[in-house]
Amino acid sequence: MTGRLRMREVDGEGRPVAHTLVGNLSFSMGLVAADGWLYWADENAIGRVRPDGAHLTRRFIAPPQENGGGVANGLGTDGQHLFFSRCQDNEIGRVDTNGRGLALSFIKLPAKTCPQALAVGNNHVYWAELVSYVGRATLRGTGASDTWLNIHSRQGPFYVAADDCHIYWDWGGVAGSPMHIGTAQVDRAGFRASILTGQGAFLLTSPGANS
């Protein structure tokens, strides 16, 4: 999503038409929808805009910079809160979708952890923990485990998605090899390292990103 945020619609003749909602974004990452807004994170702040491009606020929430720069590495939502990962500070923050109640260390993780992309499902927040693990904690910030699920690969996970029953992640892609999508049930049963393959990276979204 680096550079600009675009929306694709279908016109009256069934043809796709792309519109730029937000331009001139610097190293943006994470895109979620909640409470009638689109939210994203970039180097300096979490911004938001209406799906029609109205009421753009580039610095809606401006957490302090992490060690090494940037304010977030990933973004997720349960429809009422925004969760944002901070790899360099070993933490996951939370803030209300109205911008109130900022808590940088809502989930404090052990040193040398590095939470990345986030997803929400089954009353939990999940994150890509480089390398080889998917982490998990409750939406209240309790029971955090940075090694909750071992994906048995040093090539990921990169993005995660979740619903009430399953967690999904992507991995692979080194030296032109295919990317894979893996899945497991939320009780960690039914682990499958690869259910889909492809040459391009999969950008996964979760039901929690569409509230």
N, C-alpha and C. Protein backbone atom coordinates (compact mmCIF):
# COMPACT_ATOMS: atom_id res chain seq x y z
N MET A 1 0.83 -1.20 0.00
CA MET A 1 0.00 0.00 0.00
C MET A 1 0.86 1.25 0.00
N THR A 2 2.18 1.10 -0.16
CA THR A 2 3.06 2.25 -0.17
C THR A 2 2.73 3.15 -1.35
N GLY A 3 2.68 4.48 -1.12
CA GLY A 3 2.46 5.44 -2.18
C GLY A 3 1.08 6.04 -2.18
N ARG A 4 0.04 5.20 -2.26
CA ARG A 4 -1.32 5.73 -2.30
C ARG A 4 -2.32 4.65 -1.94
N LEU A 5 -3.47 5.09 -1.49
CA LEU A 5 -4.59 4.21 -1.17
C LEU A 5 -5.63 4.36 -2.27
N ARG A 6 -5.95 3.25 -2.94
CA ARG A 6 -6.88 3.31 -4.07
C ARG A 6 -8.06 2.40 -3.80
N MET A 7 -9.18 2.74 -4.41
CA MET A 7 -10.39 1.93 -4.32
C MET A 7 -10.85 1.60 -5.73
N ARG A 8 -11.24 0.34 -5.94
CA ARG A 8 -11.71 -0.09 -7.24
C ARG A 8 -13.20 -0.35 -7.18
N GLU A 9 -13.94 0.27 -8.09
CA GLU A 9 -15.38 0.09 -8.20
C GLU A 9 -15.72 -0.44 -9.59
N VAL A 10 -16.96 -0.84 -9.78
CA VAL A 10 -17.44 -1.30 -11.07
C VAL A 10 -18.44 -0.27 -11.59
N ASP A 11 -18.23 0.21 -12.82
CA ASP A 11 -19.13 1.22 -13.37
C ASP A 11 -20.41 0.58 -13.89
N GLY A 12 -21.28 1.37 -14.48
CA GLY A 12 -22.58 0.89 -14.94
C GLY A 12 -22.51 -0.14 -16.03
N GLU A 13 -21.35 -0.25 -16.69
CA GLU A 13 -21.18 -1.24 -17.75
C GLU A 13 -20.36 -2.43 -17.28
N GLY A 14 -20.15 -2.53 -15.97
CA GLY A 14 -19.43 -3.67 -15.43
C GLY A 14 -17.93 -3.59 -15.54
N ARG A 15 -17.39 -2.41 -15.86
CA ARG A 15 -15.95 -2.26 -16.00
C ARG A 15 -15.35 -1.75 -14.69
N PRO A 16 -14.18 -2.29 -14.29
CA PRO A 16 -13.54 -1.81 -13.05
C PRO A 16 -12.97 -0.41 -13.24
N VAL A 17 -13.20 0.44 -12.26
CA VAL A 17 -12.69 1.80 -12.28
C VAL A 17 -11.99 2.05 -10.95
N ALA A 18 -10.73 2.47 -11.01
CA ALA A 18 -9.94 2.70 -9.80
C ALA A 18 -9.92 4.19 -9.46
N HIS A 19 -10.08 4.49 -8.17
CA HIS A 19 -10.02 5.87 -7.69
C HIS A 19 -8.96 5.97 -6.60
N THR A 20 -8.19 7.04 -6.62
CA THR A 20 -7.22 7.28 -5.55
C THR A 20 -7.91 8.01 -4.41
N LEU A 21 -7.93 7.38 -3.24
CA LEU A 21 -8.53 8.00 -2.05
C LEU A 21 -7.52 8.86 -1.31
N VAL A 22 -6.28 8.34 -1.18
CA VAL A 22 -5.23 9.07 -0.47
C VAL A 22 -3.93 8.89 -1.25
N GLY A 23 -3.28 10.00 -1.55
CA GLY A 23 -2.00 9.95 -2.24
C GLY A 23 -0.86 10.39 -1.34
N ASN A 24 0.36 10.29 -1.86
CA ASN A 24 1.57 10.75 -1.17
C ASN A 24 1.72 10.12 0.21
N LEU A 25 1.55 8.79 0.27
CA LEU A 25 1.76 8.07 1.52
C LEU A 25 3.21 7.61 1.60
N SER A 26 3.79 7.72 2.78
CA SER A 26 5.19 7.34 2.97
C SER A 26 5.28 6.02 3.72
N PHE A 27 5.70 4.96 3.03
CA PHE A 27 5.94 3.65 3.63
C PHE A 27 4.74 3.22 4.46
N SER A 28 3.57 3.26 3.86
CA SER A 28 2.34 2.89 4.57
C SER A 28 2.21 1.38 4.65
N MET A 29 1.55 0.91 5.71
CA MET A 29 1.35 -0.53 5.90
C MET A 29 0.10 -0.74 6.74
N GLY A 30 -0.58 -1.85 6.51
CA GLY A 30 -1.77 -2.15 7.27
C GLY A 30 -2.96 -1.33 6.79
N LEU A 31 -4.05 -1.97 6.46
CA LEU A 31 -5.28 -1.28 6.05
C LEU A 31 -6.44 -2.03 6.65
N VAL A 32 -7.25 -1.35 7.46
CA VAL A 32 -8.43 -1.98 8.06
C VAL A 32 -9.61 -1.02 7.95
N ALA A 33 -10.80 -1.60 8.03
CA ALA A 33 -12.03 -0.81 8.00
C ALA A 33 -12.80 -1.05 9.28
N ALA A 34 -13.28 0.04 9.90
CA ALA A 34 -14.06 -0.07 11.13
C ALA A 34 -14.89 1.19 11.30
N ASP A 35 -16.13 1.01 11.75
CA ASP A 35 -16.98 2.13 12.13
C ASP A 35 -17.12 3.17 11.01
N GLY A 36 -17.15 2.70 9.76
CA GLY A 36 -17.35 3.60 8.63
C GLY A 36 -16.11 4.35 8.18
N TRP A 37 -14.93 3.89 8.62
CA TRP A 37 -13.66 4.54 8.25
C TRP A 37 -12.68 3.50 7.72
N LEU A 38 -11.75 3.97 6.91
CA LEU A 38 -10.57 3.20 6.54
C LEU A 38 -9.39 3.76 7.32
N TYR A 39 -8.61 2.87 7.93
CA TYR A 39 -7.45 3.28 8.72
C TYR A 39 -6.19 2.64 8.12
N TRP A 40 -5.08 3.35 8.19
CA TRP A 40 -3.80 2.80 7.77
C TRP A 40 -2.71 3.36 8.69
N ALA A 41 -1.57 2.71 8.70
CA ALA A 41 -0.41 3.18 9.46
C ALA A 41 0.72 3.50 8.50
N ASP A 42 1.47 4.56 8.80
CA ASP A 42 2.68 4.83 8.05
C ASP A 42 3.80 5.16 9.02
N GLU A 43 4.85 5.78 8.54
CA GLU A 43 6.03 6.03 9.38
C GLU A 43 5.73 6.95 10.56
N ASN A 44 4.77 7.85 10.41
CA ASN A 44 4.60 8.91 11.39
C ASN A 44 3.29 8.88 12.16
N ALA A 45 2.28 8.16 11.67
CA ALA A 45 0.97 8.24 12.31
C ALA A 45 0.05 7.17 11.76
N ILE A 46 -1.10 7.05 12.41
CA ILE A 46 -2.22 6.28 11.89
C ILE A 46 -3.21 7.27 11.31
N GLY A 47 -3.55 7.10 10.04
CA GLY A 47 -4.49 8.01 9.39
C GLY A 47 -5.83 7.34 9.16
N ARG A 48 -6.81 8.15 8.75
CA ARG A 48 -8.11 7.58 8.42
C ARG A 48 -8.81 8.45 7.38
N VAL A 49 -9.76 7.82 6.67
CA VAL A 49 -10.53 8.50 5.65
C VAL A 49 -11.83 7.72 5.46
N ARG A 50 -12.87 8.41 5.03
CA ARG A 50 -14.11 7.73 4.69
C ARG A 50 -13.92 6.95 3.39
N PRO A 51 -14.67 5.87 3.18
CA PRO A 51 -14.51 5.08 1.95
C PRO A 51 -14.75 5.87 0.66
N ASP A 52 -15.44 7.01 0.75
CA ASP A 52 -15.64 7.84 -0.44
C ASP A 52 -14.55 8.90 -0.58
N GLY A 53 -13.53 8.86 0.28
CA GLY A 53 -12.43 9.82 0.22
C GLY A 53 -12.62 11.07 1.04
N ALA A 54 -13.75 11.20 1.72
CA ALA A 54 -14.03 12.40 2.51
C ALA A 54 -13.37 12.35 3.88
N HIS A 55 -13.21 13.52 4.46
CA HIS A 55 -12.74 13.67 5.84
C HIS A 55 -11.39 13.00 6.08
N LEU A 56 -10.47 13.23 5.17
CA LEU A 56 -9.14 12.67 5.30
C LEU A 56 -8.38 13.31 6.48
N THR A 57 -7.83 12.45 7.34
CA THR A 57 -6.96 12.92 8.43
C THR A 57 -5.71 12.06 8.42
N ARG A 58 -4.61 12.62 7.96
CA ARG A 58 -3.38 11.85 7.83
C ARG A 58 -2.73 11.53 9.17
N ARG A 59 -2.92 12.40 10.15
CA ARG A 59 -2.33 12.19 11.48
C ARG A 59 -3.46 12.08 12.51
N PHE A 60 -4.33 11.10 12.30
CA PHE A 60 -5.43 10.92 13.22
C PHE A 60 -4.94 10.49 14.60
N ILE A 61 -4.00 9.56 14.64
CA ILE A 61 -3.37 9.14 15.89
C ILE A 61 -1.87 9.14 15.64
N ALA A 62 -1.13 9.82 16.48
CA ALA A 62 0.32 9.94 16.28
C ALA A 62 1.06 9.41 17.50
N PRO A 63 1.22 8.08 17.62
CA PRO A 63 1.99 7.53 18.73
C PRO A 63 3.45 7.97 18.64
N PRO A 64 4.16 7.94 19.74
CA PRO A 64 5.60 8.26 19.67
C PRO A 64 6.34 7.24 18.82
N GLN A 65 7.44 7.67 18.24
CA GLN A 65 8.23 6.79 17.39
C GLN A 65 8.79 5.62 18.20
N GLU A 66 8.87 4.48 17.54
CA GLU A 66 9.55 3.34 18.14
C GLU A 66 11.07 3.58 18.14
N ASN A 67 11.78 2.73 18.85
CA ASN A 67 13.23 2.68 18.70
C ASN A 67 13.54 2.29 17.26
N GLY A 68 14.33 3.11 16.58
CA GLY A 68 14.65 2.82 15.19
C GLY A 68 13.70 3.48 14.20
N GLY A 69 12.65 4.17 14.69
CA GLY A 69 11.77 4.91 13.80
C GLY A 69 10.49 4.19 13.47
N GLY A 70 9.51 4.94 13.01
CA GLY A 70 8.20 4.39 12.68
C GLY A 70 7.30 4.31 13.90
N VAL A 71 6.00 4.19 13.68
CA VAL A 71 5.06 4.11 14.78
C VAL A 71 4.35 2.77 14.85
N ALA A 72 4.37 1.99 13.75
CA ALA A 72 3.66 0.71 13.73
C ALA A 72 4.19 -0.15 12.59
N ASN A 73 4.09 -1.46 12.76
CA ASN A 73 4.48 -2.41 11.72
C ASN A 73 3.28 -3.14 11.13
N GLY A 74 2.18 -3.16 11.84
CA GLY A 74 0.97 -3.81 11.36
C GLY A 74 -0.24 -3.20 12.05
N LEU A 75 -1.43 -3.45 11.50
CA LEU A 75 -2.65 -2.84 12.01
C LEU A 75 -3.77 -3.87 11.93
N GLY A 76 -4.59 -3.94 13.00
CA GLY A 76 -5.75 -4.82 13.02
C GLY A 76 -6.86 -4.16 13.81
N THR A 77 -8.08 -4.70 13.72
CA THR A 77 -9.20 -4.10 14.43
C THR A 77 -10.23 -5.15 14.81
N ASP A 78 -10.91 -4.91 15.94
CA ASP A 78 -12.08 -5.71 16.31
C ASP A 78 -13.36 -4.93 16.09
N GLY A 79 -13.26 -3.79 15.39
CA GLY A 79 -14.40 -2.95 15.11
C GLY A 79 -14.59 -1.83 16.12
N GLN A 80 -13.99 -1.95 17.30
CA GLN A 80 -14.06 -0.93 18.34
C GLN A 80 -12.70 -0.35 18.68
N HIS A 81 -11.66 -1.14 18.45
CA HIS A 81 -10.30 -0.72 18.75
C HIS A 81 -9.41 -0.97 17.55
N LEU A 82 -8.31 -0.23 17.50
CA LEU A 82 -7.23 -0.50 16.57
C LEU A 82 -6.08 -1.10 17.37
N PHE A 83 -5.54 -2.20 16.88
CA PHE A 83 -4.35 -2.80 17.45
C PHE A 83 -3.19 -2.54 16.49
N PHE A 84 -2.03 -2.15 17.00
CA PHE A 84 -0.89 -1.87 16.13
C PHE A 84 0.38 -2.45 16.74
N SER A 85 1.14 -3.16 15.91
CA SER A 85 2.35 -3.82 16.37
C SER A 85 3.54 -2.86 16.29
N ARG A 86 4.47 -3.03 17.23
CA ARG A 86 5.67 -2.21 17.31
C ARG A 86 6.86 -3.15 17.54
N CYS A 87 7.42 -3.61 16.43
CA CYS A 87 8.46 -4.64 16.47
C CYS A 87 9.65 -4.22 17.32
N GLN A 88 10.17 -3.03 17.08
CA GLN A 88 11.39 -2.61 17.76
C GLN A 88 11.21 -2.44 19.27
N ASP A 89 9.98 -2.20 19.69
CA ASP A 89 9.72 -2.02 21.12
C ASP A 89 9.07 -3.25 21.75
N ASN A 90 8.95 -4.34 20.98
CA ASN A 90 8.43 -5.61 21.51
C ASN A 90 7.06 -5.45 22.16
N GLU A 91 6.13 -4.82 21.43
CA GLU A 91 4.83 -4.57 22.02
C GLU A 91 3.76 -4.42 20.95
N ILE A 92 2.52 -4.57 21.39
CA ILE A 92 1.36 -4.31 20.56
C ILE A 92 0.50 -3.28 21.28
N GLY A 93 0.23 -2.18 20.62
CA GLY A 93 -0.57 -1.11 21.21
C GLY A 93 -2.04 -1.25 20.87
N ARG A 94 -2.85 -0.48 21.57
CA ARG A 94 -4.29 -0.45 21.29
C ARG A 94 -4.80 0.97 21.49
N VAL A 95 -5.76 1.36 20.66
CA VAL A 95 -6.41 2.65 20.78
C VAL A 95 -7.84 2.50 20.29
N ASP A 96 -8.77 3.26 20.86
CA ASP A 96 -10.14 3.25 20.39
C ASP A 96 -10.21 3.79 18.97
N THR A 97 -11.20 3.34 18.20
CA THR A 97 -11.33 3.82 16.83
C THR A 97 -11.63 5.32 16.75
N ASN A 98 -12.06 5.93 17.88
CA ASN A 98 -12.27 7.38 17.91
C ASN A 98 -11.01 8.13 18.29
N GLY A 99 -9.90 7.42 18.48
CA GLY A 99 -8.63 8.05 18.79
C GLY A 99 -8.32 8.18 20.27
N ARG A 100 -9.23 7.73 21.12
CA ARG A 100 -9.01 7.85 22.57
C ARG A 100 -8.44 6.56 23.14
N GLY A 101 -7.94 6.66 24.37
CA GLY A 101 -7.50 5.47 25.10
C GLY A 101 -6.24 4.82 24.56
N LEU A 102 -5.28 5.62 24.11
CA LEU A 102 -4.04 5.07 23.57
C LEU A 102 -3.24 4.35 24.65
N ALA A 103 -2.89 3.09 24.35
CA ALA A 103 -2.06 2.28 25.26
C ALA A 103 -0.97 1.64 24.43
N LEU A 104 0.25 2.16 24.49
CA LEU A 104 1.33 1.66 23.66
C LEU A 104 1.71 0.22 23.99
N SER A 105 1.74 -0.11 25.26
CA SER A 105 2.15 -1.45 25.69
C SER A 105 0.95 -2.27 26.14
N PHE A 106 -0.12 -2.23 25.36
CA PHE A 106 -1.31 -3.00 25.71
C PHE A 106 -0.96 -4.48 25.83
N ILE A 107 -0.12 -4.97 24.92
CA ILE A 107 0.43 -6.32 25.02
C ILE A 107 1.95 -6.19 25.01
N LYS A 108 2.58 -6.40 26.15
CA LYS A 108 4.04 -6.31 26.24
C LYS A 108 4.64 -7.69 26.05
N LEU A 109 5.59 -7.78 25.12
CA LEU A 109 6.18 -9.06 24.75
C LEU A 109 7.63 -9.14 25.21
N PRO A 110 8.18 -10.34 25.27
CA PRO A 110 9.57 -10.49 25.70
C PRO A 110 10.54 -9.80 24.75
N ALA A 111 11.71 -9.49 25.27
CA ALA A 111 12.77 -8.92 24.44
C ALA A 111 13.09 -9.86 23.29
N LYS A 112 13.49 -9.28 22.17
CA LYS A 112 13.88 -9.98 20.94
C LYS A 112 12.68 -10.52 20.16
N THR A 113 11.47 -10.26 20.60
CA THR A 113 10.31 -10.57 19.76
C THR A 113 10.15 -9.46 18.73
N CYS A 114 9.35 -9.74 17.70
CA CYS A 114 9.18 -8.74 16.63
C CYS A 114 7.81 -8.91 15.99
N PRO A 115 6.73 -8.44 16.65
CA PRO A 115 5.40 -8.57 16.06
C PRO A 115 5.27 -7.75 14.78
N GLN A 116 4.64 -8.35 13.77
CA GLN A 116 4.49 -7.69 12.48
C GLN A 116 3.00 -7.55 12.15
N ALA A 117 2.56 -8.16 11.05
CA ALA A 117 1.17 -8.04 10.62
C ALA A 117 0.22 -8.62 11.66
N LEU A 118 -0.98 -8.03 11.75
CA LEU A 118 -1.97 -8.39 12.76
C LEU A 118 -3.27 -8.86 12.13
N ALA A 119 -4.02 -9.66 12.89
CA ALA A 119 -5.38 -10.06 12.50
C ALA A 119 -6.17 -10.29 13.78
N VAL A 120 -7.49 -10.17 13.68
CA VAL A 120 -8.38 -10.36 14.83
C VAL A 120 -9.42 -11.41 14.48
N GLY A 121 -9.65 -12.34 15.39
CA GLY A 121 -10.67 -13.37 15.22
C GLY A 121 -10.80 -14.21 16.48
N ASN A 122 -11.97 -14.77 16.72
CA ASN A 122 -12.17 -15.67 17.84
C ASN A 122 -11.79 -15.02 19.17
N ASN A 123 -12.10 -13.71 19.32
CA ASN A 123 -11.81 -12.97 20.55
C ASN A 123 -10.33 -12.92 20.87
N HIS A 124 -9.49 -13.01 19.84
CA HIS A 124 -8.05 -12.93 20.02
C HIS A 124 -7.45 -12.02 18.95
N VAL A 125 -6.28 -11.50 19.26
CA VAL A 125 -5.46 -10.82 18.26
C VAL A 125 -4.28 -11.74 17.95
N TYR A 126 -4.01 -11.92 16.67
CA TYR A 126 -2.93 -12.78 16.20
C TYR A 126 -1.91 -11.90 15.48
N TRP A 127 -0.66 -12.33 15.49
CA TRP A 127 0.35 -11.55 14.78
C TRP A 127 1.41 -12.46 14.18
N ALA A 128 2.02 -11.98 13.09
CA ALA A 128 3.17 -12.65 12.48
C ALA A 128 4.38 -12.32 13.33
N GLU A 129 5.03 -13.35 13.84
CA GLU A 129 6.20 -13.19 14.70
C GLU A 129 7.40 -13.78 13.96
N LEU A 130 8.19 -12.88 13.36
CA LEU A 130 9.32 -13.36 12.57
C LEU A 130 10.42 -13.90 13.48
N VAL A 131 10.95 -15.09 13.20
CA VAL A 131 10.50 -15.96 12.11
C VAL A 131 9.90 -17.23 12.69
N SER A 132 9.04 -17.88 11.89
CA SER A 132 8.52 -19.22 12.11
C SER A 132 7.30 -19.32 13.02
N TYR A 133 6.84 -18.21 13.63
CA TYR A 133 5.75 -18.33 14.59
C TYR A 133 4.60 -17.35 14.30
N VAL A 134 3.41 -17.76 14.70
CA VAL A 134 2.26 -16.87 14.82
C VAL A 134 2.01 -16.68 16.32
N GLY A 135 1.93 -15.44 16.76
CA GLY A 135 1.65 -15.14 18.15
C GLY A 135 0.17 -14.92 18.39
N ARG A 136 -0.25 -14.97 19.66
CA ARG A 136 -1.66 -14.77 19.98
C ARG A 136 -1.82 -14.23 21.39
N ALA A 137 -2.84 -13.40 21.58
CA ALA A 137 -3.26 -12.92 22.90
C ALA A 137 -4.75 -12.65 22.84
N THR A 138 -5.39 -12.58 24.00
CA THR A 138 -6.82 -12.24 24.00
C THR A 138 -6.99 -10.77 23.67
N LEU A 139 -8.22 -10.39 23.31
CA LEU A 139 -8.50 -8.99 23.01
C LEU A 139 -8.37 -8.10 24.23
N ARG A 140 -8.31 -8.70 25.42
CA ARG A 140 -8.06 -7.94 26.64
C ARG A 140 -6.58 -7.79 26.93
N GLY A 141 -5.74 -8.39 26.09
CA GLY A 141 -4.30 -8.27 26.26
C GLY A 141 -3.69 -9.34 27.14
N THR A 142 -4.46 -10.33 27.53
CA THR A 142 -3.96 -11.38 28.43
C THR A 142 -3.55 -12.62 27.64
N GLY A 143 -2.82 -13.51 28.31
CA GLY A 143 -2.45 -14.79 27.71
C GLY A 143 -1.58 -14.68 26.49
N ALA A 144 -0.72 -13.67 26.43
CA ALA A 144 0.10 -13.46 25.24
C ALA A 144 1.16 -14.55 25.10
N SER A 145 1.29 -15.06 23.88
CA SER A 145 2.34 -16.03 23.56
C SER A 145 2.90 -15.70 22.19
N ASP A 146 4.18 -15.38 22.13
CA ASP A 146 4.80 -15.06 20.84
C ASP A 146 5.15 -16.32 20.05
N THR A 147 5.03 -17.49 20.67
CA THR A 147 5.31 -18.76 19.98
C THR A 147 4.06 -19.66 19.98
N TRP A 148 2.90 -19.05 19.90
CA TRP A 148 1.65 -19.80 19.99
C TRP A 148 1.55 -20.90 18.94
N LEU A 149 1.96 -20.61 17.69
CA LEU A 149 1.87 -21.59 16.61
C LEU A 149 3.16 -21.58 15.82
N ASN A 150 3.81 -22.73 15.72
CA ASN A 150 5.02 -22.89 14.92
C ASN A 150 4.61 -23.30 13.51
N ILE A 151 4.95 -22.48 12.51
CA ILE A 151 4.57 -22.80 11.13
C ILE A 151 5.61 -23.69 10.45
N HIS A 152 6.70 -23.98 11.14
CA HIS A 152 7.73 -24.90 10.66
C HIS A 152 8.36 -24.42 9.35
N SER A 153 8.61 -23.12 9.29
CA SER A 153 9.33 -22.55 8.14
C SER A 153 10.03 -21.29 8.60
N ARG A 154 11.27 -21.11 8.12
CA ARG A 154 12.00 -19.87 8.40
C ARG A 154 11.64 -18.78 7.41
N GLN A 155 10.79 -19.09 6.44
CA GLN A 155 10.38 -18.12 5.42
C GLN A 155 9.00 -17.56 5.75
N GLY A 156 8.88 -16.86 6.85
CA GLY A 156 7.60 -16.29 7.25
C GLY A 156 7.29 -16.64 8.68
N PRO A 157 6.06 -16.36 9.10
CA PRO A 157 4.93 -15.82 8.32
C PRO A 157 5.09 -14.32 8.05
N PHE A 158 4.38 -13.85 7.02
CA PHE A 158 4.43 -12.44 6.66
C PHE A 158 3.11 -11.73 6.97
N TYR A 159 2.00 -12.25 6.46
CA TYR A 159 0.68 -11.73 6.75
C TYR A 159 -0.15 -12.81 7.43
N VAL A 160 -1.09 -12.41 8.26
CA VAL A 160 -1.98 -13.35 8.92
C VAL A 160 -3.42 -12.89 8.74
N ALA A 161 -4.35 -13.83 8.81
CA ALA A 161 -5.78 -13.55 8.80
C ALA A 161 -6.44 -14.55 9.73
N ALA A 162 -7.60 -14.19 10.25
CA ALA A 162 -8.27 -15.06 11.22
C ALA A 162 -9.78 -14.87 11.13
N ASP A 163 -10.51 -15.95 11.48
CA ASP A 163 -11.94 -15.85 11.71
C ASP A 163 -12.22 -16.57 13.03
N ASP A 164 -13.46 -16.91 13.28
CA ASP A 164 -13.78 -17.53 14.56
C ASP A 164 -13.30 -18.98 14.66
N CYS A 165 -12.90 -19.56 13.54
CA CYS A 165 -12.53 -20.98 13.55
C CYS A 165 -11.10 -21.25 13.12
N HIS A 166 -10.52 -20.38 12.28
CA HIS A 166 -9.23 -20.68 11.67
C HIS A 166 -8.30 -19.47 11.71
N ILE A 167 -7.02 -19.77 11.60
CA ILE A 167 -5.98 -18.77 11.40
C ILE A 167 -5.26 -19.12 10.09
N TYR A 168 -4.92 -18.11 9.31
CA TYR A 168 -4.25 -18.30 8.04
C TYR A 168 -2.98 -17.45 8.01
N TRP A 169 -1.98 -17.88 7.25
CA TRP A 169 -0.75 -17.12 7.12
C TRP A 169 -0.12 -17.43 5.77
N ASP A 170 0.77 -16.54 5.33
CA ASP A 170 1.53 -16.83 4.11
C ASP A 170 3.01 -16.97 4.45
N TRP A 171 3.70 -17.75 3.63
CA TRP A 171 5.12 -18.00 3.84
C TRP A 171 5.76 -18.41 2.52
N GLY A 172 7.09 -18.36 2.46
CA GLY A 172 7.82 -18.77 1.26
C GLY A 172 8.19 -17.58 0.40
N GLY A 173 8.46 -17.85 -0.88
CA GLY A 173 8.78 -16.80 -1.83
C GLY A 173 10.25 -16.47 -1.95
N VAL A 174 11.13 -17.23 -1.29
CA VAL A 174 12.57 -16.95 -1.37
C VAL A 174 13.12 -17.41 -2.71
N ALA A 175 13.93 -16.55 -3.32
CA ALA A 175 14.61 -16.86 -4.59
C ALA A 175 13.63 -17.30 -5.67
N GLY A 176 12.46 -16.67 -5.70
CA GLY A 176 11.49 -16.95 -6.75
C GLY A 176 10.62 -18.17 -6.51
N SER A 177 10.77 -18.82 -5.37
CA SER A 177 9.93 -19.98 -5.07
C SER A 177 8.50 -19.52 -4.78
N PRO A 178 7.51 -20.41 -4.89
CA PRO A 178 6.11 -20.01 -4.69
C PRO A 178 5.84 -19.57 -3.26
N MET A 179 4.91 -18.65 -3.12
CA MET A 179 4.36 -18.33 -1.82
C MET A 179 3.32 -19.39 -1.47
N HIS A 180 3.17 -19.66 -0.17
CA HIS A 180 2.20 -20.63 0.30
C HIS A 180 1.24 -19.99 1.30
N ILE A 181 0.03 -20.48 1.35
CA ILE A 181 -0.93 -20.12 2.39
C ILE A 181 -1.10 -21.34 3.29
N GLY A 182 -0.89 -21.16 4.60
CA GLY A 182 -1.10 -22.22 5.56
C GLY A 182 -2.32 -21.94 6.41
N THR A 183 -2.82 -22.96 7.08
CA THR A 183 -4.00 -22.78 7.93
C THR A 183 -3.95 -23.73 9.12
N ALA A 184 -4.61 -23.36 10.19
CA ALA A 184 -4.80 -24.21 11.36
C ALA A 184 -6.07 -23.74 12.06
N GLN A 185 -6.68 -24.63 12.80
CA GLN A 185 -7.82 -24.25 13.62
C GLN A 185 -7.34 -23.43 14.81
N VAL A 186 -8.23 -22.67 15.42
CA VAL A 186 -7.84 -21.78 16.51
C VAL A 186 -7.43 -22.55 17.76
N ASP A 187 -7.68 -23.86 17.80
CA ASP A 187 -7.15 -24.68 18.89
C ASP A 187 -5.84 -25.35 18.48
N ARG A 188 -5.28 -24.91 17.34
CA ARG A 188 -4.02 -25.38 16.77
C ARG A 188 -4.11 -26.76 16.14
N ALA A 189 -5.30 -27.35 16.10
CA ALA A 189 -5.49 -28.62 15.41
C ALA A 189 -5.63 -28.36 13.91
N GLY A 190 -5.60 -29.42 13.12
CA GLY A 190 -5.82 -29.30 11.68
C GLY A 190 -4.77 -28.49 10.96
N PHE A 191 -3.53 -28.51 11.42
CA PHE A 191 -2.45 -27.73 10.81
C PHE A 191 -2.20 -28.21 9.39
N ARG A 192 -2.17 -27.26 8.44
CA ARG A 192 -1.82 -27.55 7.05
C ARG A 192 -0.87 -26.46 6.59
N ALA A 193 0.33 -26.84 6.23
CA ALA A 193 1.35 -25.87 5.87
C ALA A 193 1.06 -25.19 4.55
N SER A 194 0.32 -25.84 3.65
CA SER A 194 0.08 -25.26 2.34
C SER A 194 -1.28 -25.68 1.82
N ILE A 195 -2.16 -24.71 1.64
CA ILE A 195 -3.46 -24.98 1.02
C ILE A 195 -3.59 -24.25 -0.31
N LEU A 196 -2.74 -23.25 -0.55
CA LEU A 196 -2.71 -22.53 -1.82
C LEU A 196 -1.26 -22.15 -2.10
N THR A 197 -0.88 -22.09 -3.35
CA THR A 197 0.44 -21.63 -3.74
C THR A 197 0.31 -20.63 -4.87
N GLY A 198 1.32 -19.79 -5.02
CA GLY A 198 1.31 -18.80 -6.08
C GLY A 198 2.65 -18.10 -6.15
N GLN A 199 2.88 -17.36 -7.22
CA GLN A 199 4.16 -16.68 -7.39
C GLN A 199 4.20 -15.32 -6.71
N GLY A 200 3.03 -14.73 -6.43
CA GLY A 200 3.01 -13.41 -5.80
C GLY A 200 2.65 -13.51 -4.33
N ALA A 201 2.98 -12.48 -3.58
CA ALA A 201 2.64 -12.46 -2.16
C ALA A 201 1.14 -12.27 -2.00
N PHE A 202 0.58 -12.94 -1.02
CA PHE A 202 -0.84 -12.81 -0.71
C PHE A 202 -1.00 -11.78 0.40
N LEU A 203 -1.79 -10.76 0.18
CA LEU A 203 -2.12 -9.80 1.23
C LEU A 203 -3.43 -10.26 1.85
N LEU A 204 -3.35 -10.80 3.06
CA LEU A 204 -4.51 -11.39 3.69
C LEU A 204 -5.27 -10.35 4.51
N THR A 205 -6.58 -10.48 4.52
CA THR A 205 -7.42 -9.65 5.38
C THR A 205 -8.30 -10.57 6.18
N SER A 206 -8.79 -10.06 7.29
CA SER A 206 -9.60 -10.88 8.19
C SER A 206 -10.96 -10.24 8.37
N PRO A 207 -11.95 -11.02 8.85
CA PRO A 207 -13.25 -10.45 9.12
C PRO A 207 -13.17 -9.23 10.04
N GLY A 208 -12.23 -9.26 10.97
CA GLY A 208 -12.08 -8.14 11.88
C GLY A 208 -11.62 -6.86 11.20
N ALA A 209 -11.12 -7.00 9.99
CA ALA A 209 -10.69 -5.83 9.23
C ALA A 209 -11.81 -5.22 8.42
N ASN A 210 -13.00 -5.79 8.54
CA ASN A 210 -14.12 -5.30 7.73
C ASN A 210 -15.34 -4.98 8.59
N SER A 211 -15.10 -4.63 9.83
CA SER A 211 -16.22 -4.39 10.74
C SER A 211 -16.85 -3.03 10.45
